[in-house]
Amino acid sequence: MLKPKKKMRKHDLKEDKFVKFTLQAKTYIDENYQKLMRIALGVGAVIIILVFYYYNSQETAKEANSQLGIAEIEYKNGNLSKASERLEKLIDEYDGTDSADKGLFLLANIYYQQKRYEDARIHFDRFVSAYSGSNILLASGYAGLAACEEVDSNFSEAAKLYEEAADLAPDFPESDNYYYLSALCYKRAGELDKARSLFEELASEAKSSQRVRDAEMQLVLLGNE
């Protein structure tokens, strides 16, 4: 005698579907094991590389900062030759770090003090092209580059660079000085209208400005020309 078919309940259907899905998943994994392992190892490798890069970059930054600190001590002690050697090594071995960029600025200053103006100009130029930190330091870099152009009697270019330095950090105490030097260079370049405009701007500022009186005197001299 045939037994009547047992009615499938919802619970049984769910269990049947789950078993079926499990078997399909196991079959897929068995058939694609090597491929899945390659993907997993690839992701793991990328994570390991990123972690290593971060750790390595942190260590590199510390080493570069240490080298810059030693160079700064030599510079403050007046050992410009030793400071230059240390900075050249820093720039060569740690290129791209913040410390190496600052090293460019310091080395450019040393060259300027040593009257190696072309070397100073090259390093100031590299610094302003690479540095993306403090606007005050960047402005100082442009001012250094302007000073090198001034030495070479490139007064119009020097004036533009001094003005750019002043515009970069208007709250920096040296800003008015940069504007004044810019005006002087425009005057020496024969661009009197630009020079007069800057002198007038300085002269109209609050009397606390260190260059107000100098600007007023320059305007008198321009009026006599």
Protein backbone atom coordinates (compact mmCIF):
# COMPACT_ATOMS: atom_id res chain seq x y z
CA MET A 1 0.00 0.00 0.00
CA LEU A 2 1.37 3.38 -1.03
CA LYS A 3 2.04 5.86 1.76
CA PRO A 4 0.52 9.27 1.27
CA LYS A 5 3.06 11.98 0.37
CA LYS A 6 4.14 14.04 3.33
CA LYS A 7 3.15 17.69 3.03
CA MET A 8 6.19 20.03 2.93
CA ARG A 9 6.13 22.70 5.57
CA LYS A 10 7.67 26.19 5.17
CA HIS A 11 10.37 25.27 7.65
CA ASP A 12 11.32 22.20 5.58
CA LEU A 13 11.43 24.28 2.40
CA LYS A 14 13.78 26.77 4.00
CA GLU A 15 16.04 23.98 5.22
CA ASP A 16 16.04 22.41 1.75
CA LYS A 17 16.97 25.72 0.10
CA PHE A 18 19.71 26.30 2.67
CA VAL A 19 21.21 22.85 2.08
CA LYS A 20 21.04 23.39 -1.68
CA PHE A 21 22.74 26.81 -1.39
CA THR A 22 25.43 25.39 0.92
CA LEU A 23 26.20 22.58 -1.52
CA GLN A 24 26.38 25.05 -4.43
CA ALA A 25 28.70 27.34 -2.47
CA LYS A 26 30.96 24.43 -1.51
CA THR A 27 31.09 23.26 -5.13
CA TYR A 28 31.95 26.84 -6.32
CA ILE A 29 34.69 27.22 -3.72
CA ASP A 30 36.14 23.78 -4.55
CA GLU A 31 36.19 24.59 -8.26
CA ASN A 32 37.54 28.13 -7.84
CA TYR A 33 39.80 27.66 -4.82
CA GLN A 34 43.01 28.76 -6.51
CA LYS A 35 41.39 31.85 -8.02
CA LEU A 36 39.84 32.87 -4.71
CA MET A 37 43.14 32.37 -2.91
CA ARG A 38 44.93 34.56 -5.46
CA ILE A 39 42.34 37.33 -4.88
CA ALA A 40 42.63 37.03 -1.09
CA LEU A 41 46.42 37.04 -1.20
CA GLY A 42 46.35 40.02 -3.57
CA VAL A 43 44.20 42.09 -1.22
CA GLY A 44 46.36 41.04 1.70
CA ALA A 45 49.51 41.97 -0.16
CA VAL A 46 48.16 45.42 -0.99
CA ILE A 47 47.29 46.01 2.67
CA ILE A 48 50.75 44.88 3.76
CA ILE A 49 52.39 47.15 1.19
CA LEU A 50 50.31 50.16 2.31
CA VAL A 51 51.09 49.54 5.98
CA PHE A 52 54.78 49.13 5.19
CA TYR A 53 54.81 52.30 3.07
CA TYR A 54 53.14 54.31 5.84
CA TYR A 55 55.55 53.03 8.47
CA ASN A 56 58.54 53.54 6.18
CA SER A 57 57.47 57.08 5.26
CA GLN A 58 57.08 57.94 8.96
CA GLU A 59 60.56 56.64 9.71
CA THR A 60 62.02 58.48 6.71
CA ALA A 61 60.42 61.74 7.87
CA LYS A 62 61.93 61.29 11.34
CA GLU A 63 65.39 60.62 9.92
CA ALA A 64 65.15 63.62 7.58
CA ASN A 65 64.02 65.88 10.42
CA SER A 66 66.95 64.71 12.52
CA GLN A 67 69.40 65.56 9.73
CA LEU A 68 67.81 69.00 9.32
CA GLY A 69 68.13 69.62 13.07
CA ILE A 70 71.85 68.83 13.00
CA ALA A 71 72.34 71.14 10.00
CA GLU A 72 70.48 73.96 11.78
CA ILE A 73 72.76 73.60 14.82
CA GLU A 74 75.85 73.83 12.59
CA TYR A 75 74.33 76.88 10.87
CA LYS A 76 73.60 78.66 14.18
CA ASN A 77 77.14 77.93 15.33
CA GLY A 78 78.51 79.57 12.19
CA ASN A 79 79.81 76.33 10.68
CA LEU A 80 78.42 77.08 7.23
CA SER A 81 80.62 74.55 5.44
CA LYS A 82 79.49 71.66 7.68
CA ALA A 83 75.89 72.84 7.52
CA SER A 84 76.06 72.93 3.71
CA GLU A 85 77.43 69.38 3.54
CA ARG A 86 74.72 68.10 5.84
CA LEU A 87 71.99 69.91 3.88
CA GLU A 88 73.24 68.68 0.52
CA LYS A 89 73.10 65.11 1.85
CA LEU A 90 69.63 65.71 3.30
CA ILE A 91 68.29 67.05 -0.01
CA ASP A 92 69.85 64.20 -1.98
CA GLU A 93 68.81 61.32 0.28
CA TYR A 94 65.42 62.54 1.51
CA ASP A 95 64.07 64.37 -1.53
CA GLY A 96 60.34 64.98 -1.31
CA THR A 97 60.15 65.23 2.48
CA ASP A 98 59.16 68.43 4.27
CA SER A 99 62.59 68.53 5.94
CA ALA A 100 64.37 68.32 2.58
CA ASP A 101 62.26 71.23 1.27
CA LYS A 102 63.19 73.32 4.31
CA GLY A 103 66.78 72.23 3.79
CA LEU A 104 66.62 73.78 0.32
CA PHE A 105 65.63 77.11 1.86
CA LEU A 106 68.40 77.03 4.45
CA LEU A 107 71.03 75.98 1.91
CA ALA A 108 69.93 78.78 -0.44
CA ASN A 109 70.40 81.26 2.42
CA ILE A 110 73.88 79.92 3.11
CA TYR A 111 74.85 80.27 -0.54
CA TYR A 112 73.54 83.84 -0.54
CA GLN A 113 75.60 84.69 2.53
CA GLN A 114 78.63 83.21 0.80
CA LYS A 115 77.86 85.38 -2.26
CA ARG A 116 77.30 82.29 -4.38
CA TYR A 117 74.31 84.03 -5.91
CA GLU A 118 73.65 81.68 -8.82
CA ASP A 119 73.63 78.65 -6.50
CA ALA A 120 71.37 80.57 -4.13
CA ARG A 121 68.98 81.49 -6.94
CA ILE A 122 68.77 77.85 -8.13
CA HIS A 123 67.97 76.58 -4.62
CA PHE A 124 65.47 79.34 -3.82
CA ASP A 125 63.75 78.55 -7.12
CA ARG A 126 63.64 74.82 -6.29
CA PHE A 127 62.28 75.65 -2.85
CA VAL A 128 59.37 77.85 -3.99
CA SER A 129 58.51 75.25 -6.65
CA ALA A 130 58.42 72.35 -4.18
CA TYR A 131 57.30 73.74 -0.83
CA SER A 132 53.62 73.69 0.13
CA GLY A 133 53.77 74.46 3.85
CA SER A 134 53.84 77.74 5.75
CA ASN A 135 53.08 80.82 3.65
CA ILE A 136 55.53 82.81 5.77
CA LEU A 137 58.40 80.51 4.87
CA LEU A 138 57.28 80.40 1.24
CA ALA A 139 57.17 84.22 1.17
CA SER A 140 60.70 84.28 2.55
CA GLY A 141 61.72 81.97 -0.29
CA TYR A 142 60.29 84.35 -2.89
CA ALA A 143 62.06 87.26 -1.17
CA GLY A 144 65.34 85.33 -1.32
CA LEU A 145 64.80 84.66 -5.01
CA ALA A 146 64.02 88.36 -5.52
CA ALA A 147 67.27 89.32 -3.76
CA CYS A 148 69.23 87.11 -6.17
CA GLU A 149 67.55 88.74 -9.17
CA GLU A 150 68.31 92.16 -7.67
CA VAL A 151 72.00 91.29 -7.38
CA ASP A 152 71.97 90.49 -11.11
CA SER A 153 70.28 93.86 -11.80
CA ASN A 154 67.07 92.16 -12.93
CA PHE A 155 65.10 94.85 -11.11
CA SER A 156 61.72 94.35 -12.79
CA GLU A 157 61.73 90.61 -12.02
CA ALA A 158 62.98 91.26 -8.49
CA ALA A 159 60.15 93.76 -7.94
CA LYS A 160 57.52 91.21 -9.00
CA LEU A 161 58.99 88.55 -6.71
CA TYR A 162 59.16 90.88 -3.69
CA GLU A 163 55.54 91.86 -4.34
CA GLU A 164 54.52 88.21 -4.57
CA ALA A 165 56.31 87.53 -1.28
CA ALA A 166 54.36 90.36 0.39
CA ASP A 167 51.03 89.17 -1.03
CA LEU A 168 51.60 85.61 0.18
CA ALA A 169 51.82 86.55 3.87
CA PRO A 170 50.23 89.99 4.41
CA ASP A 171 50.21 89.57 8.22
CA PHE A 172 53.90 88.70 8.34
CA PRO A 173 55.89 91.59 9.92
CA GLU A 174 58.26 91.56 6.94
CA SER A 175 55.41 92.08 4.47
CA ASP A 176 55.70 95.89 4.44
CA ASN A 177 59.43 95.57 3.95
CA TYR A 178 58.86 93.32 0.93
CA TYR A 179 56.45 95.90 -0.56
CA TYR A 180 59.01 98.64 0.04
CA LEU A 181 61.79 96.63 -1.63
CA SER A 182 59.42 95.87 -4.51
CA ALA A 183 58.72 99.60 -4.97
CA LEU A 184 62.45 100.38 -4.90
CA CYS A 185 63.11 97.77 -7.57
CA TYR A 186 60.28 99.09 -9.75
CA LYS A 187 61.84 102.54 -9.37
CA ARG A 188 65.27 101.23 -10.39
CA ALA A 189 63.67 99.42 -13.33
CA GLY A 190 62.16 102.72 -14.49
CA GLU A 191 58.59 101.58 -13.79
CA LEU A 192 57.77 104.72 -11.81
CA ASP A 193 53.99 104.38 -11.81
CA LYS A 194 54.18 100.97 -10.14
CA ALA A 195 56.77 102.26 -7.69
CA ARG A 196 54.64 105.31 -6.80
CA SER A 197 51.55 103.16 -6.32
CA LEU A 198 53.30 100.92 -3.78
CA PHE A 199 54.93 103.84 -1.96
CA GLU A 200 51.54 105.58 -1.68
CA GLU A 201 49.97 102.38 -0.34
CA LEU A 202 52.66 102.11 2.32
CA ALA A 203 52.50 105.80 3.20
CA SER A 204 48.74 105.61 3.74
CA GLU A 205 48.98 102.76 6.24
CA ALA A 206 48.86 103.08 10.00
CA LYS A 207 51.91 104.83 11.45
CA SER A 208 52.92 101.58 13.12
CA SER A 209 54.25 100.38 9.77
CA GLN A 210 58.03 100.36 9.79
CA ARG A 211 58.13 101.70 6.23
CA VAL A 212 55.65 104.62 6.35
CA ARG A 213 58.30 107.33 6.75
CA ASP A 214 60.60 105.72 4.17
CA ALA A 215 57.72 105.55 1.68
CA GLU A 216 56.86 109.21 2.29
CA MET A 217 60.44 110.21 1.60
CA GLN A 218 60.49 108.17 -1.60
CA LEU A 219 57.32 109.87 -2.80
CA VAL A 220 59.01 113.26 -2.28
CA LEU A 221 62.01 112.07 -4.30
CA LEU A 222 59.73 110.79 -7.07
CA GLY A 223 57.96 114.12 -7.13
CA ASN A 224 61.28 115.83 -7.84
CA GLU A 225 62.12 113.55 -10.77
